[in-house]
């Protein structure tokens, strides 16, 4: 594994841990951006998904895992003393995850298509003609 990949893996683990802690510790400890909380959730889950897709380039798996994580963290807020679970917030996080995963898959597909055009197909017949 390259050093860039290790950095992406470590960064994604730190970011996901930070999201989990921020979702569950007391409201007074939160740092707010001034944006609506749905926008904040969308932005943080979008960024987290993009970083995790760099560390683990399987966007469909990343999307499934982070969508479940967003739902579980929102549900777990019902166990805290000063928070309540909110369906709109869970949907905002899940929408961000899916949006980022779709964009990551698009980028991966475009890179593969560019590589095929540049290098030629890997398993093409030697003559290049149709059979």
C-alpha atoms as a PDB file:
ATOM      1  CA  UNK A   1       0.000   0.000   0.000  1.00  0.00           C
ATOM      2  CA  UNK A   2       1.370   3.422  -0.933  1.00  0.00           C
ATOM      3  CA  UNK A   3       1.916   6.188   1.567  1.00  0.00           C
ATOM      4  CA  UNK A   4      -0.866   8.238  -0.040  1.00  0.00           C
ATOM      5  CA  UNK A   5      -3.260   5.348   0.455  1.00  0.00           C
ATOM      6  CA  UNK A   6      -2.211   5.012   4.129  1.00  0.00           C
ATOM      7  CA  UNK A   7      -2.837   8.727   4.626  1.00  0.00           C
ATOM      8  CA  UNK A   8      -6.290   8.377   3.035  1.00  0.00           C
ATOM      9  CA  UNK A   9      -7.116   5.370   5.233  1.00  0.00           C
ATOM     10  CA  UNK A  10      -5.944   7.156   8.391  1.00  0.00           C
ATOM     11  CA  UNK A  11      -7.768  10.342   7.412  1.00  0.00           C
ATOM     12  CA  UNK A  12     -10.999   8.492   6.745  1.00  0.00           C
ATOM     13  CA  UNK A  13     -10.809   6.676  10.086  1.00  0.00           C
ATOM     14  CA  UNK A  14     -10.160   9.934  11.941  1.00  0.00           C
ATOM     15  CA  UNK A  15     -12.992  11.673  10.091  1.00  0.00           C
ATOM     16  CA  UNK A  16     -15.503   8.872  10.727  1.00  0.00           C
ATOM     17  CA  UNK A  17     -14.517   8.756  14.398  1.00  0.00           C
ATOM     18  CA  UNK A  18     -14.962  12.525  14.626  1.00  0.00           C
ATOM     19  CA  UNK A  19     -18.411  12.256  13.032  1.00  0.00           C
ATOM     20  CA  UNK A  20     -19.422   9.572  15.534  1.00  0.00           C
ATOM     21  CA  UNK A  21     -18.212  11.628  18.515  1.00  0.00           C
ATOM     22  CA  UNK A  22     -19.777  14.840  17.206  1.00  0.00           C
ATOM     23  CA  UNK A  23     -23.070  13.017  16.741  1.00  0.00           C
ATOM     24  CA  UNK A  24     -23.183  11.733  20.290  1.00  0.00           C
ATOM     25  CA  UNK A  25     -21.500  14.193  22.650  1.00  0.00           C
ATOM     26  CA  UNK A  26     -23.442  17.012  24.340  1.00  0.00           C
ATOM     27  CA  UNK A  27     -24.919  19.805  22.262  1.00  0.00           C
ATOM     28  CA  UNK A  28     -22.975  22.461  24.213  1.00  0.00           C
ATOM     29  CA  UNK A  29     -19.691  21.025  22.908  1.00  0.00           C
ATOM     30  CA  UNK A  30     -20.633  21.389  19.251  1.00  0.00           C
ATOM     31  CA  UNK A  31     -18.981  23.859  16.937  1.00  0.00           C
ATOM     32  CA  UNK A  32     -21.520  25.173  14.442  1.00  0.00           C
ATOM     33  CA  UNK A  33     -20.827  26.780  11.057  1.00  0.00           C
ATOM     34  CA  UNK A  34     -23.891  28.977  11.037  1.00  0.00           C
ATOM     35  CA  UNK A  35     -25.395  26.972   8.190  1.00  0.00           C
ATOM     36  CA  UNK A  36     -28.604  25.021   8.600  1.00  0.00           C
ATOM     37  CA  UNK A  37     -27.961  21.682  10.315  1.00  0.00           C
ATOM     38  CA  UNK A  38     -29.186  19.771   7.232  1.00  0.00           C
ATOM     39  CA  UNK A  39     -26.595  21.555   5.096  1.00  0.00           C
ATOM     40  CA  UNK A  40     -23.910  20.826   7.703  1.00  0.00           C
ATOM     41  CA  UNK A  41     -24.810  17.131   7.708  1.00  0.00           C
ATOM     42  CA  UNK A  42     -24.809  17.021   3.911  1.00  0.00           C
ATOM     43  CA  UNK A  43     -21.388  18.687   3.648  1.00  0.00           C
ATOM     44  CA  UNK A  44     -19.677  16.555   6.285  1.00  0.00           C
ATOM     45  CA  UNK A  45     -21.038  13.260   4.957  1.00  0.00           C
ATOM     46  CA  UNK A  46     -20.183  14.298   1.381  1.00  0.00           C
ATOM     47  CA  UNK A  47     -16.592  15.100   2.394  1.00  0.00           C
ATOM     48  CA  UNK A  48     -16.267  11.927   4.463  1.00  0.00           C
ATOM     49  CA  UNK A  49     -17.541   9.769   1.609  1.00  0.00           C
ATOM     50  CA  UNK A  50     -15.146  11.391  -0.856  1.00  0.00           C
ATOM     51  CA  UNK A  51     -12.190  10.746   1.462  1.00  0.00           C
ATOM     52  CA  UNK A  52     -13.238   7.160   2.189  1.00  0.00           C
ATOM     53  CA  UNK A  53     -13.658   6.522  -1.563  1.00  0.00           C
ATOM     54  CA  UNK A  54     -10.014   7.560  -2.022  1.00  0.00           C
ATOM     55  CA  UNK A  55      -8.967   5.110   0.684  1.00  0.00           C
ATOM     56  CA  UNK A  56     -11.247   2.322  -0.523  1.00  0.00           C
ATOM     57  CA  UNK A  57     -12.113   2.752  -4.230  1.00  0.00           C
ATOM     58  CA  UNK A  58     -15.331   0.729  -4.151  1.00  0.00           C
ATOM     59  CA  UNK A  59     -17.954   3.514  -4.001  1.00  0.00           C
ATOM     60  CA  UNK A  60     -20.944   1.166  -3.810  1.00  0.00           C
ATOM     61  CA  UNK A  61     -19.546  -0.521  -0.685  1.00  0.00           C
ATOM     62  CA  UNK A  62     -18.589   2.823   0.825  1.00  0.00           C
ATOM     63  CA  UNK A  63     -22.087   4.171   0.129  1.00  0.00           C
ATOM     64  CA  UNK A  64     -23.750   1.180   1.749  1.00  0.00           C
ATOM     65  CA  UNK A  65     -21.575   1.340   4.855  1.00  0.00           C
ATOM     66  CA  UNK A  66     -21.792   5.105   5.356  1.00  0.00           C
ATOM     67  CA  UNK A  67     -25.530   5.236   4.710  1.00  0.00           C
ATOM     68  CA  UNK A  68     -26.012   2.664   7.462  1.00  0.00           C
ATOM     69  CA  UNK A  69     -23.594   4.626   9.682  1.00  0.00           C
ATOM     70  CA  UNK A  70     -25.552   7.858   9.133  1.00  0.00           C
ATOM     71  CA  UNK A  71     -28.819   6.123  10.054  1.00  0.00           C
ATOM     72  CA  UNK A  72     -27.321   4.390  13.104  1.00  0.00           C
ATOM     73  CA  UNK A  73     -25.734   7.583  14.440  1.00  0.00           C
ATOM     74  CA  UNK A  74     -28.973   9.489  14.002  1.00  0.00           C
ATOM     75  CA  UNK A  75     -30.877   6.707  15.780  1.00  0.00           C
ATOM     76  CA  UNK A  76     -28.277   6.595  18.582  1.00  0.00           C
ATOM     77  CA  UNK A  77     -28.951  10.257  19.285  1.00  0.00           C
ATOM     78  CA  UNK A  78     -32.219   9.087  20.819  1.00  0.00           C
ATOM     79  CA  UNK A  79     -30.145   7.486  23.567  1.00  0.00           C
ATOM     80  CA  UNK A  80     -28.540  10.784  24.591  1.00  0.00           C
ATOM     81  CA  UNK A  81     -30.034  13.147  27.148  1.00  0.00           C
ATOM     82  CA  UNK A  82     -30.102  16.293  25.016  1.00  0.00           C
ATOM     83  CA  UNK A  83     -30.773  15.101  21.456  1.00  0.00           C
ATOM     84  CA  UNK A  84     -33.558  13.581  19.424  1.00  0.00           C
ATOM     85  CA  UNK A  85     -33.274  11.530  16.224  1.00  0.00           C
ATOM     86  CA  UNK A  86     -34.435  13.365  13.117  1.00  0.00           C
ATOM     87  CA  UNK A  87     -35.458  11.609   9.898  1.00  0.00           C
ATOM     88  CA  UNK A  88     -34.683  14.654   7.716  1.00  0.00           C
ATOM     89  CA  UNK A  89     -31.136  14.765   9.107  1.00  0.00           C
ATOM     90  CA  UNK A  90     -30.604  11.061   8.410  1.00  0.00           C
ATOM     91  CA  UNK A  91     -31.902  11.547   4.866  1.00  0.00           C
ATOM     92  CA  UNK A  92     -29.580  14.528   4.388  1.00  0.00           C
ATOM     93  CA  UNK A  93     -26.575  12.443   5.429  1.00  0.00           C
ATOM     94  CA  UNK A  94     -27.635   9.513   3.255  1.00  0.00           C
ATOM     95  CA  UNK A  95     -28.216  11.811   0.254  1.00  0.00           C
ATOM     96  CA  UNK A  96     -24.725  13.242   0.673  1.00  0.00           C
ATOM     97  CA  UNK A  97     -23.205   9.766   0.871  1.00  0.00           C
ATOM     98  CA  UNK A  98     -25.013   8.624  -2.270  1.00  0.00           C
ATOM     99  CA  UNK A  99     -24.160  11.812  -4.181  1.00  0.00           C
ATOM    100  CA  UNK A 100     -20.459  11.568  -3.345  1.00  0.00           C
ATOM    101  CA  UNK A 101     -20.365   7.828  -4.126  1.00  0.00           C
ATOM    102  CA  UNK A 102     -22.010   8.376  -7.518  1.00  0.00           C
ATOM    103  CA  UNK A 103     -19.496  11.113  -8.338  1.00  0.00           C
ATOM    104  CA  UNK A 104     -16.616   8.890  -7.196  1.00  0.00           C
ATOM    105  CA  UNK A 105     -17.870   6.034  -9.391  1.00  0.00           C
ATOM    106  CA  UNK A 106     -18.165   8.426 -12.331  1.00  0.00           C
ATOM    107  CA  UNK A 107     -14.577   9.620 -11.836  1.00  0.00           C
ATOM    108  CA  UNK A 108     -13.305   6.032 -11.559  1.00  0.00           C
ATOM    109  CA  UNK A 109     -15.160   5.049 -14.748  1.00  0.00           C
ATOM    110  CA  UNK A 110     -13.854   8.070 -16.662  1.00  0.00           C
ATOM    111  CA  UNK A 111     -10.283   7.304 -15.582  1.00  0.00           C
ATOM    112  CA  UNK A 112     -10.621   3.704 -16.740  1.00  0.00           C
ATOM    113  CA  UNK A 113     -12.097   4.813 -20.079  1.00  0.00           C
ATOM    114  CA  UNK A 114      -9.255   7.293 -20.561  1.00  0.00           C
ATOM    115  CA  UNK A 115      -6.678   4.586 -19.773  1.00  0.00           C
ATOM    116  CA  UNK A 116      -8.276   2.219 -22.293  1.00  0.00           C
ATOM    117  CA  UNK A 117      -8.234   4.912 -24.998  1.00  0.00           C
ATOM    118  CA  UNK A 118      -4.626   5.775 -24.225  1.00  0.00           C
ATOM    119  CA  UNK A 119      -3.227   2.236 -23.850  1.00  0.00           C
ATOM    120  CA  UNK A 120      -5.696   0.319 -25.976  1.00  0.00           C
ATOM    121  CA  UNK A 121      -7.830  -2.561 -24.747  1.00  0.00           C
ATOM    122  CA  UNK A 122      -5.899  -5.082 -22.666  1.00  0.00           C
ATOM    123  CA  UNK A 123      -7.352  -8.214 -24.243  1.00  0.00           C
ATOM    124  CA  UNK A 124      -7.844  -7.056 -27.835  1.00  0.00           C
ATOM    125  CA  UNK A 125      -7.117  -9.513 -30.672  1.00  0.00           C
ATOM    126  CA  UNK A 126      -3.595  -9.168 -32.115  1.00  0.00           C
ATOM    127  CA  UNK A 127      -4.797  -8.126 -35.585  1.00  0.00           C
ATOM    128  CA  UNK A 128      -7.198  -5.553 -34.223  1.00  0.00           C
ATOM    129  CA  UNK A 129      -9.906  -6.773 -36.598  1.00  0.00           C
ATOM    130  CA  UNK A 130     -13.284  -8.262 -35.844  1.00  0.00           C
ATOM    131  CA  UNK A 131     -13.679 -12.019 -35.659  1.00  0.00           C
END
